[in-house]
Amino acid sequence: MKLILVAGLIALAAVSCSARPQNDVEVVEYESDNIGIGGYKFSYKLSDGTTRTEEAVLNNAGTENESLSVRGSVSWVAPDGQTYTINFVADENGFQPEGAHIPK
């Protein structure tokens, strides 16, 4: 009985070790400017080559047409080694992504 229990615990340990990610991704750079009014700005870079930037501006502050205009980009390295980049705008006209890999 003890042998079965020990064998089960070893099998469980092996499964949980193999389920862990093999590559840890770390934050290499991070910047943020957000005081809670008038918009925001942030960017980061990860050790796996992923980058992200985003900036928002408050339009028509204090009016019934108040809105945010957001611009940014995100890049990542795919498993095949190719880098993909999406540049985007999100404003009163909706979310508008652009990238070489996105059909027009």
N, C-alpha and C. Protein backbone atom coordinates (compact mmCIF):
# COMPACT_ATOMS: atom_id res chain seq x y z
N MET A 1 0.84 -1.20 0.00
CA MET A 1 0.00 0.00 0.00
C MET A 1 0.87 1.25 0.00
N LYS A 2 1.93 1.23 0.87
CA LYS A 2 2.83 2.38 0.92
C LYS A 2 3.55 2.56 -0.41
N LEU A 3 3.88 1.45 -1.07
CA LEU A 3 4.56 1.52 -2.36
C LEU A 3 3.69 2.21 -3.40
N ILE A 4 2.40 1.90 -3.41
CA ILE A 4 1.48 2.52 -4.35
C ILE A 4 1.35 4.02 -4.07
N LEU A 5 1.29 4.38 -2.80
CA LEU A 5 1.19 5.79 -2.42
C LEU A 5 2.44 6.55 -2.83
N VAL A 6 3.62 5.97 -2.58
CA VAL A 6 4.88 6.62 -2.95
C VAL A 6 4.98 6.74 -4.47
N ALA A 7 4.62 5.69 -5.20
CA ALA A 7 4.66 5.73 -6.66
C ALA A 7 3.70 6.80 -7.19
N GLY A 8 2.54 6.93 -6.58
CA GLY A 8 1.58 7.97 -6.98
C GLY A 8 2.12 9.36 -6.73
N LEU A 9 2.76 9.58 -5.61
CA LEU A 9 3.35 10.89 -5.30
C LEU A 9 4.48 11.23 -6.26
N ILE A 10 5.30 10.25 -6.61
CA ILE A 10 6.39 10.48 -7.57
C ILE A 10 5.81 10.84 -8.93
N ALA A 11 4.78 10.13 -9.35
CA ALA A 11 4.13 10.44 -10.64
C ALA A 11 3.53 11.84 -10.63
N LEU A 12 2.89 12.22 -9.53
CA LEU A 12 2.31 13.55 -9.41
C LEU A 12 3.39 14.62 -9.47
N ALA A 13 4.51 14.39 -8.80
CA ALA A 13 5.62 15.35 -8.82
C ALA A 13 6.18 15.50 -10.23
N ALA A 14 6.29 14.40 -10.95
CA ALA A 14 6.82 14.44 -12.32
C ALA A 14 5.89 15.24 -13.23
N VAL A 15 4.59 15.04 -13.08
CA VAL A 15 3.63 15.77 -13.90
C VAL A 15 3.66 17.25 -13.58
N SER A 16 3.71 17.63 -12.31
CA SER A 16 3.70 19.05 -11.98
C SER A 16 5.01 19.72 -12.37
N CYS A 17 6.13 19.02 -12.38
CA CYS A 17 7.39 19.60 -12.84
C CYS A 17 7.37 19.82 -14.34
N SER A 18 6.79 18.88 -15.09
CA SER A 18 6.76 19.03 -16.54
C SER A 18 5.73 20.07 -16.97
N ALA A 19 4.79 20.43 -16.11
CA ALA A 19 3.77 21.41 -16.46
C ALA A 19 4.26 22.84 -16.27
N ARG A 20 5.39 23.01 -15.62
CA ARG A 20 5.92 24.36 -15.41
C ARG A 20 6.52 24.90 -16.70
N PRO A 21 6.44 26.21 -16.93
CA PRO A 21 7.06 26.78 -18.12
C PRO A 21 8.58 26.57 -18.08
N GLN A 22 9.13 26.26 -19.23
CA GLN A 22 10.57 26.02 -19.31
C GLN A 22 11.36 27.32 -19.45
N ASN A 23 10.76 28.36 -19.99
CA ASN A 23 11.44 29.64 -20.19
C ASN A 23 10.76 30.71 -19.36
N ASP A 24 11.47 31.24 -18.40
CA ASP A 24 10.92 32.33 -17.60
C ASP A 24 11.13 33.64 -18.35
N VAL A 25 10.10 34.44 -18.45
CA VAL A 25 10.18 35.74 -19.11
C VAL A 25 10.25 36.81 -18.04
N GLU A 26 11.19 37.73 -18.20
CA GLU A 26 11.38 38.80 -17.23
C GLU A 26 11.13 40.15 -17.86
N VAL A 27 10.74 41.10 -17.05
CA VAL A 27 10.58 42.49 -17.50
C VAL A 27 11.97 43.12 -17.55
N VAL A 28 12.35 43.61 -18.73
CA VAL A 28 13.66 44.22 -18.93
C VAL A 28 13.57 45.73 -18.71
N GLU A 29 12.51 46.34 -19.23
CA GLU A 29 12.29 47.78 -19.08
C GLU A 29 10.81 48.03 -18.81
N TYR A 30 10.52 49.05 -18.00
CA TYR A 30 9.13 49.42 -17.74
C TYR A 30 9.08 50.90 -17.41
N GLU A 31 8.19 51.61 -18.06
CA GLU A 31 7.94 53.02 -17.77
C GLU A 31 6.44 53.25 -17.72
N SER A 32 6.01 54.11 -16.80
CA SER A 32 4.60 54.42 -16.69
C SER A 32 4.43 55.86 -16.21
N ASP A 33 3.54 56.57 -16.85
CA ASP A 33 3.20 57.93 -16.45
C ASP A 33 1.68 58.01 -16.43
N ASN A 34 1.11 57.92 -15.22
CA ASN A 34 -0.33 57.92 -15.09
C ASN A 34 -0.69 58.57 -13.75
N ILE A 35 -1.12 59.82 -13.83
CA ILE A 35 -1.51 60.51 -12.59
C ILE A 35 -3.03 60.49 -12.39
N GLY A 36 -3.72 59.80 -13.28
CA GLY A 36 -5.16 59.62 -13.11
C GLY A 36 -6.03 60.66 -13.78
N ILE A 37 -5.41 61.67 -14.39
CA ILE A 37 -6.20 62.67 -15.12
C ILE A 37 -5.49 63.00 -16.43
N GLY A 38 -6.25 63.30 -17.46
CA GLY A 38 -5.69 63.80 -18.70
C GLY A 38 -5.04 62.78 -19.62
N GLY A 39 -5.10 61.53 -19.31
CA GLY A 39 -4.49 60.52 -20.16
C GLY A 39 -3.43 59.73 -19.42
N TYR A 40 -2.68 58.93 -20.16
CA TYR A 40 -1.64 58.10 -19.57
C TYR A 40 -0.63 57.70 -20.63
N LYS A 41 0.47 57.12 -20.18
CA LYS A 41 1.50 56.61 -21.09
C LYS A 41 2.23 55.48 -20.39
N PHE A 42 2.49 54.38 -21.10
CA PHE A 42 3.31 53.32 -20.53
C PHE A 42 4.02 52.56 -21.64
N SER A 43 5.08 51.88 -21.25
CA SER A 43 5.80 51.01 -22.18
C SER A 43 6.53 49.95 -21.38
N TYR A 44 6.76 48.81 -22.02
CA TYR A 44 7.57 47.78 -21.40
C TYR A 44 8.25 46.93 -22.46
N LYS A 45 9.31 46.28 -22.03
CA LYS A 45 10.05 45.35 -22.88
C LYS A 45 10.33 44.11 -22.05
N LEU A 46 10.07 42.93 -22.64
CA LEU A 46 10.29 41.67 -21.94
C LEU A 46 11.51 40.95 -22.52
N SER A 47 12.05 40.05 -21.74
CA SER A 47 13.26 39.33 -22.15
C SER A 47 13.04 38.40 -23.34
N ASP A 48 11.80 38.09 -23.67
CA ASP A 48 11.53 37.24 -24.83
C ASP A 48 11.36 38.03 -26.12
N GLY A 49 11.61 39.35 -26.08
CA GLY A 49 11.50 40.21 -27.26
C GLY A 49 10.18 40.92 -27.41
N THR A 50 9.22 40.65 -26.54
CA THR A 50 7.92 41.32 -26.58
C THR A 50 8.09 42.77 -26.12
N THR A 51 7.46 43.70 -26.84
CA THR A 51 7.45 45.11 -26.43
C THR A 51 6.04 45.64 -26.56
N ARG A 52 5.74 46.65 -25.77
CA ARG A 52 4.41 47.27 -25.84
C ARG A 52 4.55 48.73 -25.45
N THR A 53 3.93 49.62 -26.19
CA THR A 53 3.84 51.03 -25.84
C THR A 53 2.40 51.47 -26.04
N GLU A 54 1.97 52.40 -25.22
CA GLU A 54 0.62 52.92 -25.36
C GLU A 54 0.56 54.30 -24.74
N GLU A 55 -0.16 55.20 -25.40
CA GLU A 55 -0.33 56.56 -24.90
C GLU A 55 -1.76 56.99 -25.18
N ALA A 56 -2.38 57.59 -24.19
CA ALA A 56 -3.76 58.08 -24.34
C ALA A 56 -3.81 59.57 -24.03
N VAL A 57 -4.62 60.26 -24.78
CA VAL A 57 -4.83 61.70 -24.60
C VAL A 57 -6.32 61.93 -24.37
N LEU A 58 -6.63 62.77 -23.42
CA LEU A 58 -8.02 63.12 -23.14
C LEU A 58 -8.46 64.22 -24.09
N ASN A 59 -9.53 63.97 -24.82
CA ASN A 59 -10.08 64.96 -25.76
C ASN A 59 -11.35 65.56 -25.19
N ASN A 60 -11.56 66.84 -25.45
CA ASN A 60 -12.79 67.55 -25.06
C ASN A 60 -13.08 67.41 -23.56
N ALA A 61 -12.05 67.61 -22.75
CA ALA A 61 -12.18 67.44 -21.30
C ALA A 61 -13.32 68.29 -20.74
N GLY A 62 -14.12 67.66 -19.89
CA GLY A 62 -15.19 68.37 -19.21
C GLY A 62 -16.45 68.60 -20.03
N THR A 63 -16.49 68.07 -21.24
CA THR A 63 -17.68 68.24 -22.07
C THR A 63 -18.40 66.90 -22.21
N GLU A 64 -19.58 66.94 -22.79
CA GLU A 64 -20.30 65.69 -23.00
C GLU A 64 -19.65 64.83 -24.09
N ASN A 65 -18.71 65.41 -24.84
CA ASN A 65 -17.99 64.68 -25.88
C ASN A 65 -16.60 64.24 -25.42
N GLU A 66 -16.38 64.23 -24.11
CA GLU A 66 -15.08 63.82 -23.57
C GLU A 66 -14.77 62.38 -23.99
N SER A 67 -13.53 62.15 -24.43
CA SER A 67 -13.13 60.81 -24.85
C SER A 67 -11.61 60.66 -24.77
N LEU A 68 -11.16 59.43 -24.83
CA LEU A 68 -9.73 59.14 -24.90
C LEU A 68 -9.37 58.74 -26.32
N SER A 69 -8.24 59.23 -26.77
CA SER A 69 -7.64 58.73 -28.01
C SER A 69 -6.39 57.97 -27.60
N VAL A 70 -6.34 56.73 -28.00
CA VAL A 70 -5.23 55.85 -27.60
C VAL A 70 -4.44 55.44 -28.83
N ARG A 71 -3.12 55.53 -28.72
CA ARG A 71 -2.21 55.08 -29.77
C ARG A 71 -1.20 54.14 -29.14
N GLY A 72 -0.81 53.13 -29.89
CA GLY A 72 0.19 52.24 -29.33
C GLY A 72 0.68 51.21 -30.32
N SER A 73 1.53 50.34 -29.81
CA SER A 73 2.03 49.23 -30.61
C SER A 73 2.41 48.09 -29.70
N VAL A 74 2.39 46.90 -30.27
CA VAL A 74 2.83 45.70 -29.57
C VAL A 74 3.60 44.86 -30.57
N SER A 75 4.73 44.31 -30.14
CA SER A 75 5.55 43.42 -30.97
C SER A 75 5.88 42.18 -30.18
N TRP A 76 5.97 41.06 -30.88
CA TRP A 76 6.36 39.82 -30.23
C TRP A 76 7.08 38.93 -31.24
N VAL A 77 7.84 37.99 -30.74
CA VAL A 77 8.55 37.04 -31.58
C VAL A 77 7.76 35.73 -31.55
N ALA A 78 7.34 35.29 -32.71
CA ALA A 78 6.56 34.05 -32.83
C ALA A 78 7.48 32.84 -32.70
N PRO A 79 6.91 31.67 -32.47
CA PRO A 79 7.72 30.45 -32.35
C PRO A 79 8.62 30.18 -33.57
N ASP A 80 8.20 30.68 -34.76
CA ASP A 80 9.03 30.48 -35.96
C ASP A 80 10.17 31.49 -36.07
N GLY A 81 10.28 32.40 -35.07
CA GLY A 81 11.37 33.38 -35.05
C GLY A 81 11.03 34.71 -35.71
N GLN A 82 9.88 34.80 -36.35
CA GLN A 82 9.48 36.05 -37.01
C GLN A 82 8.91 37.02 -35.98
N THR A 83 9.28 38.30 -36.12
CA THR A 83 8.74 39.34 -35.24
C THR A 83 7.49 39.94 -35.89
N TYR A 84 6.41 40.00 -35.12
CA TYR A 84 5.16 40.59 -35.57
C TYR A 84 4.93 41.88 -34.80
N THR A 85 4.42 42.89 -35.49
CA THR A 85 4.14 44.18 -34.87
C THR A 85 2.74 44.64 -35.27
N ILE A 86 2.00 45.10 -34.29
CA ILE A 86 0.70 45.73 -34.54
C ILE A 86 0.76 47.15 -34.00
N ASN A 87 0.49 48.11 -34.85
CA ASN A 87 0.31 49.51 -34.44
C ASN A 87 -1.19 49.75 -34.42
N PHE A 88 -1.64 50.52 -33.45
CA PHE A 88 -3.09 50.71 -33.36
C PHE A 88 -3.45 52.10 -32.87
N VAL A 89 -4.67 52.47 -33.22
CA VAL A 89 -5.32 53.68 -32.73
C VAL A 89 -6.69 53.23 -32.24
N ALA A 90 -7.11 53.74 -31.11
CA ALA A 90 -8.46 53.50 -30.61
C ALA A 90 -9.02 54.85 -30.21
N ASP A 91 -10.06 55.26 -30.89
CA ASP A 91 -10.65 56.57 -30.63
C ASP A 91 -12.13 56.53 -30.96
N GLU A 92 -12.71 57.68 -31.26
CA GLU A 92 -14.14 57.73 -31.55
C GLU A 92 -14.51 56.93 -32.80
N ASN A 93 -13.50 56.55 -33.59
CA ASN A 93 -13.74 55.74 -34.79
C ASN A 93 -13.53 54.25 -34.55
N GLY A 94 -13.32 53.85 -33.29
CA GLY A 94 -13.14 52.45 -32.97
C GLY A 94 -11.67 52.04 -32.90
N PHE A 95 -11.46 50.74 -32.80
CA PHE A 95 -10.11 50.17 -32.73
C PHE A 95 -9.62 49.93 -34.15
N GLN A 96 -8.44 50.49 -34.47
CA GLN A 96 -7.92 50.42 -35.83
C GLN A 96 -6.49 49.86 -35.80
N PRO A 97 -6.35 48.55 -35.90
CA PRO A 97 -5.02 47.94 -35.91
C PRO A 97 -4.41 47.92 -37.31
N GLU A 98 -3.09 48.02 -37.38
CA GLU A 98 -2.36 47.89 -38.64
C GLU A 98 -1.15 47.03 -38.40
N GLY A 99 -0.83 46.18 -39.35
CA GLY A 99 0.36 45.34 -39.27
C GLY A 99 0.57 44.65 -40.60
N ALA A 100 1.81 44.34 -40.91
CA ALA A 100 2.12 43.70 -42.20
C ALA A 100 1.39 42.37 -42.35
N HIS A 101 1.10 41.71 -41.26
CA HIS A 101 0.45 40.39 -41.30
C HIS A 101 -1.08 40.46 -41.22
N ILE A 102 -1.62 41.67 -41.08
CA ILE A 102 -3.08 41.82 -40.96
C ILE A 102 -3.64 42.18 -42.34
N PRO A 103 -4.61 41.40 -42.83
CA PRO A 103 -5.21 41.73 -44.14
C PRO A 103 -5.88 43.09 -44.11
N LYS A 104 -5.81 43.78 -45.23
CA LYS A 104 -6.43 45.12 -45.33
C LYS A 104 -7.80 45.03 -45.95
